[in-house]
Amino acid sequence: MKKDSFTTMSSKERVAIVNDLLSKDGFDLQKVAETLEMNYSTFTKLMQEDDYVFIKRDNQYYKFIRDENQIISVTTHKDPELDYIKQNFLALKSLIEQSKNNNDFILDKRIFQSPKFATKNFRMSDELYKQFVKTCEEHFPQYKLQDIIAQLLFNFNEKYSKNNG
């Protein structure tokens, strides 16, 4: 390799070439500099560009990271679910915290499993019904009233049914 082409390439490419040479038997920094036909001090100064440092015990150059927040974790296996969780960690954490703090109302999937549905009429105080509708609209607009009522009936049955306890 010619000295001119080595000095003009990117520091990342230089490090790859030098680390490859250093991995060969009998090669140290002095030998690499000689192989590249460069002065040793010029070679080591060039290799320090872009914060690359030489680690003697590994006999390799590595990128020096000044800010730990810039470190990107590298996974050795491909797991799309894990990658998704890592990419959306803060959003997922926020959702979980909201769920814990708000005692979010969650519909049990079993209320939808029945193949038959019944239509029933209930009598209740108009004021109670208005308050119920207002609460549902304010806090759970994603749910239909009939589904919330079905969940409440399901919860009541689970808690007080003689079959469960």
N, C-alpha and C. Protein backbone atom coordinates (compact mmCIF):
# COMPACT_ATOMS: atom_id res chain seq x y z
N MET A 1 0.85 -1.18 0.00
CA MET A 1 0.00 0.00 0.00
C MET A 1 0.89 1.24 0.00
N LYS A 2 0.49 2.20 -0.74
CA LYS A 2 1.26 3.42 -0.86
C LYS A 2 0.91 4.38 0.28
N LYS A 3 1.90 5.10 0.72
CA LYS A 3 1.74 6.05 1.82
C LYS A 3 0.67 7.09 1.52
N ASP A 4 0.64 7.60 0.28
CA ASP A 4 -0.33 8.64 -0.08
C ASP A 4 -1.76 8.15 0.02
N SER A 5 -2.02 6.96 -0.48
CA SER A 5 -3.40 6.45 -0.42
C SER A 5 -3.79 6.15 1.03
N PHE A 6 -2.84 5.73 1.85
CA PHE A 6 -3.13 5.43 3.26
C PHE A 6 -3.47 6.71 4.01
N THR A 7 -2.76 7.78 3.76
CA THR A 7 -3.00 9.03 4.49
C THR A 7 -4.27 9.74 4.05
N THR A 8 -4.73 9.47 2.84
CA THR A 8 -5.94 10.16 2.35
C THR A 8 -7.23 9.40 2.63
N MET A 9 -7.14 8.14 3.03
CA MET A 9 -8.37 7.38 3.31
C MET A 9 -8.94 7.79 4.66
N SER A 10 -10.17 7.38 4.92
CA SER A 10 -10.83 7.73 6.18
C SER A 10 -10.13 7.02 7.34
N SER A 11 -10.24 7.62 8.51
CA SER A 11 -9.59 7.04 9.69
C SER A 11 -10.15 5.66 10.00
N LYS A 12 -11.42 5.46 9.73
CA LYS A 12 -12.04 4.15 9.99
C LYS A 12 -11.42 3.07 9.09
N GLU A 13 -11.18 3.42 7.83
CA GLU A 13 -10.55 2.48 6.90
C GLU A 13 -9.10 2.20 7.31
N ARG A 14 -8.39 3.27 7.73
CA ARG A 14 -7.01 3.10 8.18
C ARG A 14 -6.94 2.14 9.36
N VAL A 15 -7.83 2.34 10.33
CA VAL A 15 -7.84 1.49 11.53
C VAL A 15 -8.11 0.03 11.14
N ALA A 16 -9.01 -0.20 10.22
CA ALA A 16 -9.30 -1.57 9.79
C ALA A 16 -8.06 -2.23 9.19
N ILE A 17 -7.36 -1.49 8.35
CA ILE A 17 -6.15 -2.02 7.70
C ILE A 17 -5.06 -2.28 8.74
N VAL A 18 -4.84 -1.31 9.62
CA VAL A 18 -3.78 -1.45 10.63
C VAL A 18 -4.11 -2.57 11.61
N ASN A 19 -5.35 -2.65 12.06
CA ASN A 19 -5.73 -3.73 12.98
C ASN A 19 -5.55 -5.09 12.33
N ASP A 20 -5.82 -5.16 11.03
CA ASP A 20 -5.61 -6.42 10.31
C ASP A 20 -4.12 -6.78 10.30
N LEU A 21 -3.28 -5.79 10.03
CA LEU A 21 -1.83 -6.04 10.05
C LEU A 21 -1.35 -6.41 11.45
N LEU A 22 -1.88 -5.73 12.47
CA LEU A 22 -1.47 -6.01 13.85
C LEU A 22 -1.88 -7.40 14.32
N SER A 23 -2.90 -7.96 13.70
CA SER A 23 -3.35 -9.30 14.10
C SER A 23 -2.44 -10.40 13.56
N LYS A 24 -1.53 -10.04 12.65
CA LYS A 24 -0.59 -11.02 12.10
C LYS A 24 0.58 -11.21 13.06
N ASP A 25 1.14 -12.41 13.06
CA ASP A 25 2.27 -12.71 13.93
C ASP A 25 3.45 -11.81 13.64
N GLY A 26 4.08 -11.30 14.70
CA GLY A 26 5.28 -10.51 14.56
C GLY A 26 5.05 -9.05 14.23
N PHE A 27 3.81 -8.61 14.13
CA PHE A 27 3.54 -7.21 13.79
C PHE A 27 3.25 -6.42 15.06
N ASP A 28 3.95 -5.32 15.20
CA ASP A 28 3.65 -4.32 16.21
C ASP A 28 3.55 -2.98 15.49
N LEU A 29 3.38 -1.90 16.24
CA LEU A 29 3.19 -0.59 15.60
C LEU A 29 4.41 -0.20 14.75
N GLN A 30 5.59 -0.48 15.25
CA GLN A 30 6.81 -0.14 14.52
C GLN A 30 6.86 -0.88 13.18
N LYS A 31 6.53 -2.17 13.20
CA LYS A 31 6.56 -3.00 11.99
C LYS A 31 5.51 -2.52 10.98
N VAL A 32 4.31 -2.14 11.48
CA VAL A 32 3.26 -1.63 10.60
C VAL A 32 3.72 -0.34 9.94
N ALA A 33 4.32 0.57 10.72
CA ALA A 33 4.82 1.83 10.16
C ALA A 33 5.86 1.56 9.07
N GLU A 34 6.75 0.61 9.32
CA GLU A 34 7.76 0.25 8.32
C GLU A 34 7.10 -0.32 7.06
N THR A 35 6.09 -1.18 7.24
CA THR A 35 5.39 -1.80 6.12
C THR A 35 4.71 -0.73 5.26
N LEU A 36 4.17 0.29 5.91
CA LEU A 36 3.50 1.38 5.19
C LEU A 36 4.49 2.45 4.71
N GLU A 37 5.77 2.22 4.98
CA GLU A 37 6.83 3.15 4.58
C GLU A 37 6.59 4.56 5.13
N MET A 38 6.27 4.59 6.43
CA MET A 38 6.01 5.87 7.10
C MET A 38 6.92 6.00 8.31
N ASN A 39 7.17 7.23 8.68
CA ASN A 39 7.88 7.52 9.91
C ASN A 39 6.98 7.09 11.06
N TYR A 40 7.53 6.46 12.10
CA TYR A 40 6.74 5.93 13.21
C TYR A 40 5.92 7.03 13.89
N SER A 41 6.51 8.16 14.17
CA SER A 41 5.78 9.24 14.86
C SER A 41 4.66 9.81 13.98
N THR A 42 4.91 9.93 12.69
CA THR A 42 3.86 10.39 11.76
C THR A 42 2.72 9.37 11.72
N PHE A 43 3.08 8.10 11.67
CA PHE A 43 2.08 7.03 11.64
C PHE A 43 1.19 7.06 12.88
N THR A 44 1.79 7.12 14.08
CA THR A 44 1.00 7.08 15.32
C THR A 44 0.14 8.33 15.47
N LYS A 45 0.65 9.47 15.01
CA LYS A 45 -0.14 10.70 15.07
C LYS A 45 -1.35 10.61 14.13
N LEU A 46 -1.13 10.08 12.94
CA LEU A 46 -2.21 9.90 11.97
C LEU A 46 -3.28 8.94 12.50
N MET A 47 -2.83 7.92 13.21
CA MET A 47 -3.78 6.91 13.71
C MET A 47 -4.64 7.44 14.86
N GLN A 48 -4.24 8.53 15.48
CA GLN A 48 -5.02 9.09 16.59
C GLN A 48 -6.14 10.01 16.11
N GLU A 49 -6.20 10.29 14.82
CA GLU A 49 -7.26 11.13 14.29
C GLU A 49 -8.62 10.51 14.59
N ASP A 50 -9.60 11.35 14.79
CA ASP A 50 -10.99 10.94 15.07
C ASP A 50 -11.08 10.09 16.34
N ASP A 51 -10.18 10.36 17.29
CA ASP A 51 -10.23 9.74 18.62
C ASP A 51 -10.05 8.22 18.62
N TYR A 52 -9.16 7.73 17.78
CA TYR A 52 -8.79 6.32 17.86
C TYR A 52 -7.60 6.18 18.79
N VAL A 53 -7.63 5.17 19.65
CA VAL A 53 -6.55 4.94 20.60
C VAL A 53 -6.04 3.51 20.45
N PHE A 54 -4.77 3.34 20.74
CA PHE A 54 -4.15 2.02 20.67
C PHE A 54 -4.19 1.39 22.04
N ILE A 55 -4.73 0.18 22.12
CA ILE A 55 -4.76 -0.59 23.37
C ILE A 55 -3.71 -1.68 23.25
N LYS A 56 -2.65 -1.52 24.02
CA LYS A 56 -1.48 -2.39 23.88
C LYS A 56 -1.81 -3.85 24.19
N ARG A 57 -2.59 -4.11 25.25
CA ARG A 57 -2.87 -5.49 25.63
C ARG A 57 -3.65 -6.24 24.55
N ASP A 58 -4.43 -5.52 23.72
CA ASP A 58 -5.15 -6.14 22.60
C ASP A 58 -4.38 -6.03 21.30
N ASN A 59 -3.36 -5.15 21.29
CA ASN A 59 -2.59 -4.88 20.08
C ASN A 59 -3.51 -4.44 18.93
N GLN A 60 -4.47 -3.55 19.27
CA GLN A 60 -5.46 -3.07 18.31
C GLN A 60 -5.82 -1.62 18.61
N TYR A 61 -6.35 -0.95 17.58
CA TYR A 61 -6.89 0.41 17.73
C TYR A 61 -8.40 0.31 17.95
N TYR A 62 -8.90 1.19 18.82
CA TYR A 62 -10.33 1.27 19.10
C TYR A 62 -10.76 2.72 19.10
N LYS A 63 -12.02 2.94 18.82
CA LYS A 63 -12.59 4.29 18.86
C LYS A 63 -12.79 4.68 20.33
N PHE A 64 -12.30 5.85 20.70
CA PHE A 64 -12.49 6.36 22.05
C PHE A 64 -13.79 7.16 22.09
N ILE A 65 -14.67 6.81 23.02
CA ILE A 65 -15.95 7.50 23.16
C ILE A 65 -15.87 8.41 24.37
N ARG A 66 -16.03 9.69 24.15
CA ARG A 66 -15.92 10.67 25.23
C ARG A 66 -17.21 10.76 26.05
N ASP A 67 -18.34 10.52 25.43
CA ASP A 67 -19.64 10.65 26.09
C ASP A 67 -20.32 9.28 26.07
N GLU A 68 -20.60 8.73 27.24
CA GLU A 68 -21.20 7.40 27.32
C GLU A 68 -22.57 7.33 26.64
N ASN A 69 -23.25 8.47 26.52
CA ASN A 69 -24.56 8.49 25.88
C ASN A 69 -24.47 8.22 24.38
N GLN A 70 -23.26 8.34 23.82
CA GLN A 70 -23.07 8.09 22.40
C GLN A 70 -22.83 6.61 22.09
N ILE A 71 -22.66 5.81 23.13
CA ILE A 71 -22.37 4.39 22.92
C ILE A 71 -23.64 3.70 22.45
N ILE A 72 -23.53 3.01 21.34
CA ILE A 72 -24.65 2.27 20.78
C ILE A 72 -24.44 0.80 21.13
N SER A 73 -25.44 0.21 21.78
CA SER A 73 -25.29 -1.20 22.11
C SER A 73 -25.48 -2.04 20.85
N VAL A 74 -24.66 -3.04 20.73
CA VAL A 74 -24.69 -3.90 19.56
C VAL A 74 -25.21 -5.26 19.99
N THR A 75 -26.26 -5.71 19.32
CA THR A 75 -26.77 -7.04 19.62
C THR A 75 -26.15 -8.03 18.65
N THR A 76 -25.80 -9.19 19.18
CA THR A 76 -25.15 -10.18 18.34
C THR A 76 -26.17 -11.08 17.64
N HIS A 77 -27.40 -11.04 18.08
CA HIS A 77 -28.44 -11.86 17.45
C HIS A 77 -29.56 -10.96 16.96
N LYS A 78 -30.29 -11.45 16.00
CA LYS A 78 -31.39 -10.67 15.45
C LYS A 78 -32.69 -11.14 16.08
N ASP A 79 -33.30 -10.28 16.86
CA ASP A 79 -34.56 -10.56 17.51
C ASP A 79 -35.45 -9.34 17.28
N PRO A 80 -36.36 -9.40 16.30
CA PRO A 80 -37.15 -8.21 15.97
C PRO A 80 -37.99 -7.68 17.14
N GLU A 81 -38.48 -8.58 17.98
CA GLU A 81 -39.28 -8.13 19.11
C GLU A 81 -38.42 -7.35 20.11
N LEU A 82 -37.23 -7.87 20.38
CA LEU A 82 -36.32 -7.20 21.29
C LEU A 82 -35.86 -5.87 20.72
N ASP A 83 -35.58 -5.84 19.42
CA ASP A 83 -35.19 -4.59 18.76
C ASP A 83 -36.32 -3.56 18.87
N TYR A 84 -37.57 -4.01 18.67
CA TYR A 84 -38.72 -3.10 18.77
C TYR A 84 -38.84 -2.54 20.19
N ILE A 85 -38.66 -3.41 21.18
CA ILE A 85 -38.75 -2.97 22.56
C ILE A 85 -37.66 -1.94 22.86
N LYS A 86 -36.44 -2.22 22.38
CA LYS A 86 -35.34 -1.29 22.61
C LYS A 86 -35.60 0.06 21.95
N GLN A 87 -36.11 0.04 20.72
CA GLN A 87 -36.37 1.27 19.99
C GLN A 87 -37.49 2.09 20.62
N ASN A 88 -38.45 1.40 21.23
CA ASN A 88 -39.62 2.08 21.79
C ASN A 88 -39.66 2.00 23.31
N PHE A 89 -38.50 1.82 23.92
CA PHE A 89 -38.43 1.61 25.36
C PHE A 89 -39.09 2.73 26.16
N LEU A 90 -38.77 3.97 25.84
CA LEU A 90 -39.31 5.09 26.62
C LEU A 90 -40.83 5.18 26.49
N ALA A 91 -41.35 4.97 25.29
CA ALA A 91 -42.80 5.02 25.09
C ALA A 91 -43.48 3.88 25.86
N LEU A 92 -42.91 2.69 25.78
CA LEU A 92 -43.48 1.55 26.50
C LEU A 92 -43.43 1.77 28.01
N LYS A 93 -42.31 2.30 28.47
CA LYS A 93 -42.17 2.58 29.91
C LYS A 93 -43.23 3.59 30.35
N SER A 94 -43.44 4.60 29.54
CA SER A 94 -44.44 5.62 29.85
C SER A 94 -45.85 5.01 29.91
N LEU A 95 -46.16 4.14 28.96
CA LEU A 95 -47.47 3.48 28.97
C LEU A 95 -47.67 2.62 30.22
N ILE A 96 -46.64 1.91 30.60
CA ILE A 96 -46.74 1.06 31.79
C ILE A 96 -46.92 1.91 33.04
N GLU A 97 -46.16 2.99 33.14
CA GLU A 97 -46.29 3.87 34.29
C GLU A 97 -47.68 4.49 34.35
N GLN A 98 -48.21 4.91 33.20
CA GLN A 98 -49.57 5.46 33.16
C GLN A 98 -50.57 4.42 33.64
N SER A 99 -50.39 3.21 33.17
CA SER A 99 -51.29 2.13 33.53
C SER A 99 -51.26 1.88 35.04
N LYS A 100 -50.07 1.90 35.63
CA LYS A 100 -49.93 1.68 37.07
C LYS A 100 -50.56 2.82 37.86
N ASN A 101 -50.30 4.05 37.42
CA ASN A 101 -50.74 5.22 38.16
C ASN A 101 -52.23 5.50 38.02
N ASN A 102 -52.79 5.17 36.88
CA ASN A 102 -54.19 5.51 36.61
C ASN A 102 -55.15 4.37 36.89
N ASN A 103 -54.64 3.21 37.27
CA ASN A 103 -55.50 2.04 37.42
C ASN A 103 -56.41 1.91 36.20
N ASP A 104 -55.79 1.93 35.05
CA ASP A 104 -56.51 1.91 33.78
C ASP A 104 -57.52 0.77 33.73
N PHE A 105 -58.63 1.06 33.17
CA PHE A 105 -59.70 0.09 32.98
C PHE A 105 -59.39 -0.72 31.73
N ILE A 106 -59.28 -2.03 31.90
CA ILE A 106 -58.92 -2.90 30.79
C ILE A 106 -60.03 -3.91 30.58
N LEU A 107 -60.43 -4.06 29.32
CA LEU A 107 -61.47 -5.03 28.99
C LEU A 107 -60.87 -6.43 28.89
N ASP A 108 -61.51 -7.37 29.55
CA ASP A 108 -61.09 -8.76 29.48
C ASP A 108 -61.58 -9.33 28.15
N LYS A 109 -60.72 -10.04 27.46
CA LYS A 109 -61.09 -10.57 26.14
C LYS A 109 -62.24 -11.58 26.21
N ARG A 110 -62.47 -12.14 27.40
CA ARG A 110 -63.53 -13.15 27.53
C ARG A 110 -64.94 -12.56 27.36
N ILE A 111 -65.08 -11.23 27.51
CA ILE A 111 -66.41 -10.65 27.33
C ILE A 111 -66.83 -10.64 25.86
N PHE A 112 -65.87 -10.87 24.96
CA PHE A 112 -66.18 -10.89 23.53
C PHE A 112 -66.25 -12.30 22.96
N GLN A 113 -65.99 -13.32 23.76
CA GLN A 113 -65.86 -14.67 23.25
C GLN A 113 -67.18 -15.39 23.02
N SER A 114 -68.22 -14.96 23.65
CA SER A 114 -69.51 -15.64 23.50
C SER A 114 -70.05 -15.48 22.08
N PRO A 115 -70.53 -16.57 21.48
CA PRO A 115 -71.09 -16.45 20.13
C PRO A 115 -72.47 -15.78 20.12
N LYS A 116 -73.14 -15.77 21.28
CA LYS A 116 -74.47 -15.16 21.37
C LYS A 116 -74.42 -13.95 22.29
N PHE A 117 -75.13 -12.91 21.90
CA PHE A 117 -75.22 -11.70 22.71
C PHE A 117 -76.69 -11.43 23.00
N ALA A 118 -76.95 -10.90 24.18
CA ALA A 118 -78.32 -10.60 24.58
C ALA A 118 -78.49 -9.09 24.74
N THR A 119 -79.68 -8.61 24.44
CA THR A 119 -80.01 -7.20 24.64
C THR A 119 -80.92 -7.12 25.85
N LYS A 120 -80.53 -6.33 26.85
CA LYS A 120 -81.28 -6.22 28.10
C LYS A 120 -81.50 -4.75 28.42
N ASN A 121 -82.58 -4.46 29.12
CA ASN A 121 -82.87 -3.12 29.60
C ASN A 121 -82.66 -3.08 31.10
N PHE A 122 -82.08 -1.98 31.57
CA PHE A 122 -81.88 -1.80 33.00
C PHE A 122 -82.51 -0.48 33.40
N ARG A 123 -83.05 -0.47 34.60
CA ARG A 123 -83.58 0.78 35.15
C ARG A 123 -82.59 1.27 36.19
N MET A 124 -82.27 2.56 36.07
CA MET A 124 -81.38 3.16 37.06
C MET A 124 -81.64 4.65 37.12
N SER A 125 -81.10 5.27 38.11
CA SER A 125 -81.24 6.71 38.28
C SER A 125 -80.66 7.42 37.06
N ASP A 126 -81.39 8.41 36.56
CA ASP A 126 -80.93 9.17 35.41
C ASP A 126 -79.62 9.90 35.73
N GLU A 127 -79.54 10.43 36.96
CA GLU A 127 -78.32 11.14 37.37
C GLU A 127 -77.13 10.19 37.42
N LEU A 128 -77.32 8.98 37.93
CA LEU A 128 -76.25 7.98 37.98
C LEU A 128 -75.80 7.62 36.56
N TYR A 129 -76.75 7.43 35.66
CA TYR A 129 -76.41 7.08 34.28
C TYR A 129 -75.63 8.21 33.60
N LYS A 130 -76.06 9.46 33.81
CA LYS A 130 -75.36 10.61 33.22
C LYS A 130 -73.92 10.70 33.74
N GLN A 131 -73.74 10.49 35.04
CA GLN A 131 -72.40 10.51 35.61
C GLN A 131 -71.54 9.39 35.01
N PHE A 132 -72.15 8.21 34.87
CA PHE A 132 -71.45 7.06 34.31
C PHE A 132 -71.00 7.36 32.87
N VAL A 133 -71.90 7.88 32.05
CA VAL A 133 -71.59 8.21 30.66
C VAL A 133 -70.49 9.26 30.60
N LYS A 134 -70.59 10.29 31.44
CA LYS A 134 -69.59 11.36 31.46
C LYS A 134 -68.21 10.80 31.83
N THR A 135 -68.15 9.96 32.84
CA THR A 135 -66.88 9.35 33.27
C THR A 135 -66.30 8.50 32.15
N CYS A 136 -67.15 7.72 31.51
CA CYS A 136 -66.68 6.87 30.42
C CYS A 136 -66.13 7.69 29.26
N GLU A 137 -66.83 8.75 28.91
CA GLU A 137 -66.39 9.60 27.79
C GLU A 137 -65.09 10.33 28.11
N GLU A 138 -64.94 10.76 29.37
CA GLU A 138 -63.74 11.51 29.76
C GLU A 138 -62.51 10.61 29.91
N HIS A 139 -62.69 9.45 30.51
CA HIS A 139 -61.55 8.61 30.85
C HIS A 139 -61.33 7.41 29.93
N PHE A 140 -62.37 6.97 29.27
CA PHE A 140 -62.25 5.77 28.43
C PHE A 140 -62.98 5.94 27.09
N PRO A 141 -62.64 6.97 26.33
CA PRO A 141 -63.35 7.21 25.06
C PRO A 141 -63.09 6.12 24.03
N GLN A 142 -62.08 5.29 24.25
CA GLN A 142 -61.75 4.23 23.31
C GLN A 142 -62.71 3.04 23.41
N TYR A 143 -63.51 3.00 24.47
CA TYR A 143 -64.42 1.86 24.67
C TYR A 143 -65.87 2.25 24.42
N LYS A 144 -66.65 1.28 23.99
CA LYS A 144 -68.10 1.47 23.87
C LYS A 144 -68.71 1.28 25.26
N LEU A 145 -69.82 2.00 25.51
CA LEU A 145 -70.49 1.87 26.80
C LEU A 145 -70.91 0.43 27.08
N GLN A 146 -71.41 -0.25 26.05
CA GLN A 146 -71.86 -1.63 26.24
C GLN A 146 -70.71 -2.55 26.67
N ASP A 147 -69.49 -2.28 26.18
CA ASP A 147 -68.34 -3.09 26.55
C ASP A 147 -67.92 -2.81 27.99
N ILE A 148 -68.00 -1.55 28.40
CA ILE A 148 -67.66 -1.21 29.78
C ILE A 148 -68.66 -1.85 30.73
N ILE A 149 -69.93 -1.78 30.40
CA ILE A 149 -70.96 -2.41 31.24
C ILE A 149 -70.75 -3.91 31.30
N ALA A 150 -70.43 -4.53 30.17
CA ALA A 150 -70.17 -5.97 30.15
C ALA A 150 -68.97 -6.30 31.05
N GLN A 151 -67.93 -5.48 31.02
CA GLN A 151 -66.76 -5.72 31.86
C GLN A 151 -67.13 -5.57 33.33
N LEU A 152 -67.93 -4.57 33.67
CA LEU A 152 -68.36 -4.38 35.06
C LEU A 152 -69.17 -5.58 35.55
N LEU A 153 -70.07 -6.08 34.70
CA LEU A 153 -70.83 -7.28 35.05
C LEU A 153 -69.90 -8.49 35.22
N PHE A 154 -68.93 -8.60 34.33
CA PHE A 154 -67.95 -9.69 34.40
C PHE A 154 -67.17 -9.61 35.72
N ASN A 155 -66.69 -8.40 36.07
CA ASN A 155 -65.95 -8.22 37.32
C ASN A 155 -66.80 -8.56 38.53
N PHE A 156 -68.04 -8.12 38.52
CA PHE A 156 -68.96 -8.42 39.62
C PHE A 156 -69.14 -9.93 39.76
N ASN A 157 -69.37 -10.58 38.65
CA ASN A 157 -69.58 -12.03 38.65
C ASN A 157 -68.34 -12.77 39.14
N GLU A 158 -67.15 -12.34 38.70
CA GLU A 158 -65.90 -12.96 39.12
C GLU A 158 -65.72 -12.80 40.64
N LYS A 159 -66.10 -11.66 41.17
CA LYS A 159 -65.88 -11.39 42.59
C LYS A 159 -66.90 -12.11 43.49
N TYR A 160 -68.17 -12.19 43.05
CA TYR A 160 -69.20 -12.66 43.95
C TYR A 160 -69.82 -14.00 43.58
N SER A 161 -69.43 -14.57 42.50
CA SER A 161 -70.01 -15.84 42.07
C SER A 161 -69.64 -16.95 43.05
N LYS A 162 -70.60 -17.80 43.34
CA LYS A 162 -70.35 -18.93 44.26
C LYS A 162 -69.42 -19.96 43.64
N ASN A 163 -69.37 -20.01 42.32
CA ASN A 163 -68.49 -20.95 41.63
C ASN A 163 -67.02 -20.62 41.82
N ASN A 164 -66.72 -19.36 42.13
CA ASN A 164 -65.33 -18.92 42.23
C ASN A 164 -64.79 -18.95 43.66
N GLY A 165 -65.53 -19.30 44.60
CA GLY A 165 -64.94 -19.22 45.91
C GLY A 165 -65.73 -19.86 46.95
